[in-house]
N, C-alpha and C. Protein backbone atom coordinates (compact mmCIF):
# COMPACT_ATOMS: atom_id res chain seq x y z
N MET A 1 1.28 14.08 -35.09
CA MET A 1 1.42 13.34 -33.86
C MET A 1 1.60 14.12 -32.75
N LYS A 2 0.08 14.06 -32.16
CA LYS A 2 -0.08 15.06 -30.85
C LYS A 2 0.72 14.46 -29.75
N TRP A 3 0.85 13.11 -29.64
CA TRP A 3 1.59 12.57 -28.47
C TRP A 3 3.02 12.84 -28.32
N LEU A 4 3.46 13.16 -29.37
CA LEU A 4 4.96 13.76 -29.34
C LEU A 4 5.41 14.87 -28.86
N ARG A 5 4.28 15.77 -28.99
CA ARG A 5 4.56 17.26 -28.40
C ARG A 5 4.80 17.14 -27.12
N LYS A 6 5.73 18.24 -26.50
CA LYS A 6 6.31 18.35 -25.19
C LYS A 6 5.22 18.81 -24.46
N LYS A 7 5.09 18.40 -23.29
CA LYS A 7 3.84 18.72 -22.30
C LYS A 7 4.40 19.95 -21.73
N ASN A 8 3.40 20.98 -21.59
CA ASN A 8 3.68 22.45 -20.97
C ASN A 8 3.52 22.25 -19.42
N THR A 9 4.74 22.46 -18.82
CA THR A 9 4.70 22.11 -17.35
C THR A 9 4.79 23.69 -16.59
N GLU A 10 4.76 24.62 -17.52
CA GLU A 10 4.80 25.98 -16.85
C GLU A 10 3.51 26.30 -16.43
N GLY A 11 3.45 26.71 -15.13
CA GLY A 11 2.42 27.26 -14.63
C GLY A 11 2.26 28.92 -14.15
N PRO A 12 1.20 29.13 -13.48
CA PRO A 12 1.36 30.81 -13.49
C PRO A 12 2.60 31.08 -12.54
N GLY A 13 3.16 32.26 -12.90
CA GLY A 13 4.16 32.83 -12.12
C GLY A 13 5.61 31.98 -12.41
N GLN A 14 5.64 31.27 -13.50
CA GLN A 14 6.82 30.35 -13.73
C GLN A 14 7.49 30.67 -15.02
N ALA A 15 8.83 30.73 -14.95
CA ALA A 15 9.32 31.24 -16.16
C ALA A 15 9.64 30.15 -17.00
N PRO A 16 9.44 30.57 -18.33
CA PRO A 16 9.58 29.55 -19.41
C PRO A 16 10.90 28.49 -19.18
N GLY A 17 10.55 27.08 -19.43
CA GLY A 17 11.77 26.12 -18.97
C GLY A 17 11.89 25.71 -17.61
N GLU A 18 11.28 26.42 -16.81
CA GLU A 18 11.44 26.24 -15.20
C GLU A 18 10.49 25.10 -14.86
N GLN A 19 11.10 23.81 -14.48
CA GLN A 19 10.26 22.93 -14.06
C GLN A 19 10.32 22.54 -12.61
N GLU A 20 9.06 22.28 -12.05
CA GLU A 20 9.05 22.22 -10.51
C GLU A 20 9.28 20.71 -10.25
N THR A 21 9.04 19.73 -10.94
CA THR A 21 9.14 18.17 -10.36
C THR A 21 9.81 17.69 -11.57
N PHE A 22 10.72 16.78 -11.44
CA PHE A 22 11.46 15.75 -12.41
C PHE A 22 10.84 14.37 -12.18
N PRO A 23 10.03 13.75 -13.06
CA PRO A 23 9.70 12.29 -12.88
C PRO A 23 10.63 11.17 -12.89
N LEU A 24 10.52 10.37 -12.03
CA LEU A 24 11.68 9.07 -11.87
C LEU A 24 11.02 7.78 -11.82
N VAL A 25 11.83 6.99 -12.02
CA VAL A 25 11.38 5.34 -12.20
C VAL A 25 10.63 5.02 -11.08
N LYS A 26 10.16 3.96 -11.35
CA LYS A 26 9.30 3.09 -10.14
C LYS A 26 10.12 2.67 -9.30
N LYS A 27 9.67 2.80 -7.88
CA LYS A 27 10.32 2.25 -6.68
C LYS A 27 9.51 1.28 -5.86
N GLU A 28 10.18 0.47 -5.20
CA GLU A 28 9.56 -0.34 -4.03
C GLU A 28 9.86 0.27 -2.66
N ALA A 29 8.78 0.27 -2.09
CA ALA A 29 8.69 1.09 -0.73
C ALA A 29 7.84 0.50 0.33
N THR A 30 8.26 0.62 1.80
CA THR A 30 7.12 0.21 2.57
C THR A 30 6.12 1.19 2.86
N CYS A 31 5.01 0.78 2.52
CA CYS A 31 3.61 1.76 2.79
C CYS A 31 3.25 1.52 4.48
N PHE A 32 3.35 2.47 5.07
CA PHE A 32 2.89 2.27 6.56
C PHE A 32 1.38 2.25 6.86
N VAL A 33 0.68 2.65 5.75
CA VAL A 33 -0.75 2.66 5.60
C VAL A 33 -1.26 1.42 5.33
N CYS A 34 -0.80 0.74 4.30
CA CYS A 34 -0.88 -0.54 3.87
C CYS A 34 -0.35 -1.60 4.67
N GLY A 35 0.49 -1.27 5.20
CA GLY A 35 1.31 -2.18 6.37
C GLY A 35 1.98 -3.31 5.45
N ASP A 36 2.64 -2.82 4.30
CA ASP A 36 3.38 -3.99 3.29
C ASP A 36 4.26 -3.07 2.53
N THR A 37 5.34 -3.77 1.95
CA THR A 37 6.12 -3.22 0.76
C THR A 37 5.19 -3.13 -0.49
N GLN A 38 5.10 -1.94 -1.10
CA GLN A 38 4.46 -1.72 -2.25
C GLN A 38 5.14 -1.22 -3.40
N SER A 39 4.71 -1.29 -4.55
CA SER A 39 5.34 -0.44 -5.50
C SER A 39 4.71 1.01 -5.70
N PHE A 40 5.56 1.80 -6.00
CA PHE A 40 5.33 3.21 -6.40
C PHE A 40 5.64 3.43 -7.73
N THR A 41 4.66 3.60 -8.60
CA THR A 41 4.90 3.96 -9.86
C THR A 41 5.02 5.38 -10.18
N THR A 42 4.30 6.08 -9.45
CA THR A 42 4.30 7.72 -9.58
C THR A 42 5.12 8.16 -8.55
N VAL A 43 6.49 8.37 -9.07
CA VAL A 43 7.62 8.77 -8.21
C VAL A 43 8.17 10.11 -8.98
N TRP A 44 8.57 11.18 -8.13
CA TRP A 44 9.20 12.35 -8.75
C TRP A 44 10.25 13.02 -7.79
N ARG A 45 10.96 13.85 -8.19
CA ARG A 45 11.88 14.84 -7.35
C ARG A 45 11.45 16.08 -7.49
N ARG A 46 11.26 16.74 -6.47
CA ARG A 46 10.70 18.14 -6.07
C ARG A 46 12.01 19.07 -6.64
N VAL A 47 12.08 19.97 -7.62
CA VAL A 47 13.16 20.52 -8.12
C VAL A 47 13.02 22.14 -7.47
N ALA A 48 11.86 22.72 -7.51
CA ALA A 48 11.85 24.11 -7.08
C ALA A 48 10.62 23.95 -5.84
N MET A 49 10.56 25.11 -4.99
CA MET A 49 9.59 25.31 -4.01
C MET A 49 8.26 25.42 -4.73
N MET A 50 7.26 24.78 -3.96
CA MET A 50 5.83 24.97 -4.28
C MET A 50 5.50 26.11 -4.38
N LYS A 51 4.53 26.69 -5.47
CA LYS A 51 4.16 28.01 -5.55
C LYS A 51 2.60 27.94 -5.27
N ARG A 52 2.03 26.71 -5.32
CA ARG A 52 0.67 26.71 -5.12
C ARG A 52 0.24 25.40 -4.46
N CYS A 53 -0.86 25.61 -3.72
CA CYS A 53 -1.10 24.32 -2.76
C CYS A 53 -1.84 23.26 -3.91
N PRO A 54 -1.20 22.02 -3.50
CA PRO A 54 -2.01 21.11 -4.41
C PRO A 54 -3.38 20.86 -3.88
N ASN A 55 -3.62 21.14 -2.85
CA ASN A 55 -5.00 20.74 -2.23
C ASN A 55 -6.05 21.68 -2.14
N CYS A 56 -5.74 22.94 -1.94
CA CYS A 56 -6.79 23.97 -2.00
C CYS A 56 -6.46 24.97 -3.11
N GLY A 57 -5.43 25.02 -3.62
CA GLY A 57 -5.13 25.65 -4.86
C GLY A 57 -4.62 27.10 -4.55
N LEU A 58 -4.48 27.50 -3.15
CA LEU A 58 -3.88 28.83 -2.83
C LEU A 58 -2.46 29.16 -3.53
N VAL A 59 -2.37 30.26 -4.03
CA VAL A 59 -1.08 30.81 -4.54
C VAL A 59 -0.30 31.30 -3.53
N PHE A 60 0.89 30.92 -3.30
CA PHE A 60 1.85 31.56 -2.33
C PHE A 60 2.42 32.52 -2.85
N GLU A 61 2.20 33.94 -2.36
CA GLU A 61 2.77 35.05 -2.86
C GLU A 61 4.46 34.92 -2.40
N ARG A 62 4.78 34.78 -1.39
CA ARG A 62 6.28 34.32 -1.04
C ARG A 62 6.56 32.89 -0.55
N PRO A 63 6.86 32.07 -1.31
CA PRO A 63 6.91 30.76 -0.93
C PRO A 63 8.18 30.53 0.15
N GLU A 64 9.25 31.47 -0.07
CA GLU A 64 10.23 31.10 0.69
C GLU A 64 9.99 31.54 2.15
N GLU A 65 8.99 32.09 2.44
CA GLU A 65 8.60 32.32 3.76
C GLU A 65 8.10 31.06 4.65
N LEU A 66 7.41 30.43 3.62
CA LEU A 66 6.75 28.88 4.29
C LEU A 66 7.82 28.07 4.19
N TYR A 67 8.83 28.20 3.49
CA TYR A 67 9.87 27.08 3.40
C TYR A 67 10.95 27.09 4.80
N LYS A 68 10.90 28.41 5.14
CA LYS A 68 11.68 28.67 6.65
C LYS A 68 11.41 27.86 7.50
N ARG A 69 10.09 27.30 7.90
CA ARG A 69 9.76 26.35 8.88
C ARG A 69 10.24 24.92 8.57
N PHE A 70 10.24 24.24 9.95
CA PHE A 70 10.75 22.83 9.68
C PHE A 70 9.89 22.04 8.52
N GLN A 71 8.83 22.00 8.88
CA GLN A 71 7.80 21.38 7.78
C GLN A 71 6.87 22.38 7.34
N PRO A 72 7.23 22.71 6.19
CA PRO A 72 6.41 23.87 5.53
C PRO A 72 4.89 23.21 5.20
N ALA A 73 3.96 24.08 5.50
CA ALA A 73 2.50 23.62 5.25
C ALA A 73 1.67 24.78 4.65
N CYS A 74 0.83 24.56 3.95
CA CYS A 74 -0.14 25.62 3.42
C CYS A 74 -0.82 26.24 4.36
N PRO A 75 -0.79 27.52 4.58
CA PRO A 75 -1.56 28.47 5.69
C PRO A 75 -2.86 28.15 5.72
N LYS A 76 -3.47 27.86 4.54
CA LYS A 76 -5.04 27.91 4.59
C LYS A 76 -5.70 26.49 5.09
N CYS A 77 -5.04 25.38 4.37
CA CYS A 77 -5.33 23.94 4.71
C CYS A 77 -4.49 22.94 5.39
N GLU A 78 -3.36 23.65 5.71
CA GLU A 78 -2.40 22.56 6.42
C GLU A 78 -1.75 21.49 5.73
N GLU A 79 -1.83 21.51 4.28
CA GLU A 79 -1.34 20.46 3.42
C GLU A 79 0.17 20.53 3.55
N PRO A 80 0.73 19.50 3.95
CA PRO A 80 2.38 19.69 3.80
C PRO A 80 2.77 19.83 2.47
N LEU A 81 3.87 20.59 2.34
CA LEU A 81 4.41 20.90 1.01
C LEU A 81 5.91 20.36 0.81
N GLU A 82 6.07 19.94 -0.34
CA GLU A 82 7.32 19.20 -0.71
C GLU A 82 8.56 19.98 -0.83
N GLN A 83 9.39 19.51 -0.30
CA GLN A 83 11.02 20.14 -0.25
C GLN A 83 11.60 19.92 -1.37
N PRO A 84 12.35 20.99 -1.96
CA PRO A 84 13.15 20.82 -3.11
C PRO A 84 14.38 19.85 -2.93
N GLY A 85 14.58 19.13 -3.81
CA GLY A 85 15.73 18.01 -3.79
C GLY A 85 15.17 16.85 -3.18
N PHE A 86 14.07 16.71 -2.74
CA PHE A 86 13.47 15.22 -2.12
C PHE A 86 12.75 14.61 -3.04
N GLU A 87 12.60 13.31 -2.98
CA GLU A 87 11.75 12.36 -3.70
C GLU A 87 10.68 12.07 -2.96
N TYR A 88 9.42 11.79 -3.83
CA TYR A 88 8.28 11.84 -3.59
C TYR A 88 7.59 10.74 -4.11
N GLY A 89 6.48 10.00 -3.94
CA GLY A 89 5.70 9.07 -4.55
C GLY A 89 4.34 8.76 -4.07
N PHE A 90 3.50 8.03 -4.87
CA PHE A 90 2.14 7.63 -4.29
C PHE A 90 2.17 6.28 -4.33
N CYS A 91 1.54 5.48 -3.21
CA CYS A 91 1.56 4.14 -3.06
C CYS A 91 0.46 3.58 -4.14
N ASP A 92 0.72 2.57 -4.76
CA ASP A 92 -0.13 2.05 -5.91
C ASP A 92 -1.56 1.51 -5.28
N ARG A 93 -1.39 0.88 -3.93
CA ARG A 93 -2.56 0.32 -3.50
C ARG A 93 -3.51 1.41 -2.77
N CYS A 94 -3.01 2.13 -1.86
CA CYS A 94 -3.80 3.11 -1.24
C CYS A 94 -3.78 4.63 -1.47
N GLY A 95 -2.80 4.96 -2.33
CA GLY A 95 -2.75 6.43 -2.93
C GLY A 95 -1.99 7.41 -1.98
N SER A 96 -1.63 6.81 -0.85
CA SER A 96 -0.87 7.78 0.21
C SER A 96 0.55 8.23 -0.41
N LYS A 97 0.67 9.52 0.20
CA LYS A 97 1.80 10.25 -0.53
C LYS A 97 2.93 9.98 0.54
N PHE A 98 4.22 9.83 0.03
CA PHE A 98 5.48 9.58 0.78
C PHE A 98 6.41 10.21 0.41
N GLU A 99 7.24 10.50 1.27
CA GLU A 99 8.61 11.08 1.09
C GLU A 99 9.57 10.00 0.93
N LEU A 100 10.15 9.81 -0.22
CA LEU A 100 11.19 8.57 -0.31
C LEU A 100 12.46 8.96 -0.18
N MET A 101 13.49 8.71 0.91
CA MET A 101 14.69 9.06 0.92
C MET A 101 15.52 7.74 0.95
N GLU A 102 16.45 7.56 0.03
CA GLU A 102 17.37 6.41 -0.02
C GLU A 102 18.03 6.16 1.75
N GLY A 103 17.73 4.96 2.06
CA GLY A 103 18.36 4.44 3.28
C GLY A 103 17.70 4.95 4.42
N ALA A 104 16.37 5.48 4.21
CA ALA A 104 15.56 5.75 5.41
C ALA A 104 14.15 5.39 5.21
N LYS A 105 13.37 5.22 6.27
CA LYS A 105 12.04 4.92 6.12
C LYS A 105 11.11 5.90 5.29
N PRO A 106 10.27 5.47 4.64
CA PRO A 106 9.47 6.64 3.85
C PRO A 106 8.61 7.35 4.69
N GLY A 107 8.46 8.60 4.60
CA GLY A 107 7.83 9.36 5.57
C GLY A 107 6.43 9.93 4.90
N LEU A 108 5.18 9.57 5.58
CA LEU A 108 4.21 10.12 5.21
C LEU A 108 3.67 11.45 5.39
N LEU A 109 3.11 12.07 4.08
CA LEU A 109 2.86 13.15 3.98
C LEU A 109 1.33 13.06 3.87
N PRO A 110 0.51 13.32 5.02
CA PRO A 110 -0.92 12.97 5.31
C PRO A 110 -1.86 14.01 4.13
N ASN A 111 -2.80 13.31 3.74
CA ASN A 111 -3.80 14.06 2.77
C ASN A 111 -4.91 14.61 3.97
N GLN A 112 -5.77 15.36 3.23
CA GLN A 112 -6.91 16.05 3.95
C GLN A 112 -7.38 14.90 4.88
N ALA A 113 -7.92 13.83 4.35
CA ALA A 113 -8.79 12.70 5.20
C ALA A 113 -7.72 12.19 6.12
N GLN A 114 -6.60 12.08 5.75
CA GLN A 114 -5.69 11.42 6.97
C GLN A 114 -5.49 12.68 8.12
N ARG A 115 -5.28 13.79 7.86
CA ARG A 115 -4.91 14.58 8.72
C ARG A 115 -6.39 14.84 9.70
N GLU A 116 -7.59 14.72 9.11
CA GLU A 116 -8.85 14.76 9.81
C GLU A 116 -8.71 13.60 10.66
N ALA A 117 -8.50 12.47 10.36
CA ALA A 117 -8.51 11.11 11.16
C ALA A 117 -7.46 11.20 12.21
N MET A 118 -6.38 11.92 11.92
CA MET A 118 -5.19 12.13 13.06
C MET A 118 -5.79 13.11 14.14
N ARG A 119 -6.50 14.17 13.46
CA ARG A 119 -7.09 15.08 14.73
C ARG A 119 -8.30 14.22 15.59
N LYS A 120 -9.02 13.59 14.81
CA LYS A 120 -10.22 12.72 15.42
C LYS A 120 -9.62 11.80 16.56
N HIS A 121 -8.64 11.07 16.02
CA HIS A 121 -8.40 9.91 16.88
C HIS A 121 -7.06 10.10 17.84
N GLY A 122 -6.23 11.25 17.33
CA GLY A 122 -5.20 11.61 18.04
C GLY A 122 -3.93 10.61 17.63
N LYS A 123 -4.10 9.98 16.73
CA LYS A 123 -2.89 9.18 16.20
C LYS A 123 -2.87 9.36 14.59
N SER A 124 -1.83 8.58 14.08
CA SER A 124 -1.75 8.91 12.67
C SER A 124 -2.40 7.89 11.88
N TRP A 125 -1.85 7.59 10.63
CA TRP A 125 -2.68 6.72 9.65
C TRP A 125 -3.07 5.33 10.12
N SER A 126 -2.86 4.97 11.18
CA SER A 126 -3.35 3.57 11.92
C SER A 126 -4.93 3.44 11.81
N TYR A 127 -5.59 4.23 11.86
CA TYR A 127 -7.13 4.27 11.78
C TYR A 127 -7.73 4.51 10.39
N LEU A 128 -7.05 4.64 9.63
CA LEU A 128 -7.60 4.75 8.27
C LEU A 128 -8.00 3.74 7.55
């Protein structure tokens, strides 16, 4: 029964049993890219600091140095990094990634295309 096996969540430089994210149940939140309340079925809580950029794949030798900044980002591609203890999710309609905090507005973590549009138009996701 192959589907009953535990998924290997260990990556390079990760100790056995150390998990970087913890999956959560579906949430409803306002997506400011779509402009409506949407379901977020892919939701997780970040447990540990990110050791690799999800966009360009750069491995961070000292991630604690990046996390000293107010908003940590990849030094190569400027991808915003997730904070430990925070919840994140993808909008089911447009696929935008948001930081989901209870009692607060969802915060957009722009992907590469959204960051390029922000640079080009001088505004955030409204031109996407």
